[in-house]
Amino acid sequence: MRISNRPTALFLSCLFLLLAFSACKSAAKPLTPEEQARLERIVADRNFTMIAQWAEPTPDVGINAMASAGLFPPGSSPSRINLGENSNYFKMKGDSVFIQLPYYGERQVVKTYGRAEGITYEGLAKDLKVNRNTEHNYYDIGFSAKDRSEIFLCNLRLYGGKRALLTVQSNQRNQIRYDGNITVEND
C-alpha cells in the first residue's frame, strides 16, 4: 500500500515546489521606470510612514496557545496575525524613526510590571545602511535603535508598489516581522 502512495506523494511534492518557485519568480518582476523612480525617491528622501496589516511572530508555545484559545482576530494564524484596525505605524523622517507597533511573542525580560507593551521607539536610526537588490527589485534599510535597556535591530525592506516588510530583532524578545504598505506625504 505504501508503494502506491509514493508516486502520489512525489507528484504532490514536485507540484508544491513548482508552485513555490513560480511564486518566487513572479515577485521579482521588473518594475516600470516610473515605479523604479518612485521607489528610489522614497529611499533617498526617507520621509514615509508604514502601516502594518500583518504581524508575523516567531512561533512558540505561547503564540500557539493564544491561537488555540481563539484570541486572534478572524483570518489569523499563529504565524500571521491580522492587525486590521489596530493603530500602528513605523515612520521614517531622515535619520529619525518613530515606531509604535503591537508585539506578539515571547519576551524574555519584562520591565512593564503587568501592562502589555508593544515595540515603541522615537529617536535616531543608528548604523543606518541602505542596500539595493537589483535582481529582486527591493531596497533594504537596516539600522539599530536603543530604547532604555532594549536594543532593536531593524531591517525595512521596501518593494515597488509601496509594499514593505519590517523585521525587528531585540535583546529582550523573539523576532517579529510586520507586513504592510507605505505612504508618502507628497506622493
Foldseek 3Di string as FASTA:
>chain_A
DVVVCVVVVVVVVVVVVVVVVVVQVVLQDDDDPVLLVVQVVCVVQQFKKWDFQKKAFDDDPVLQVCVVVVVADPPADSGIGGCVPPDWMWGTGPQWIWGADADDFDWQDDDPVPDGGGDTDTDGFAPWDWDADNRRAKIWTWGWDDDDHKIWTWIWIAHGVQWIKIWIDIPTTGIMITTTGMDHPVD
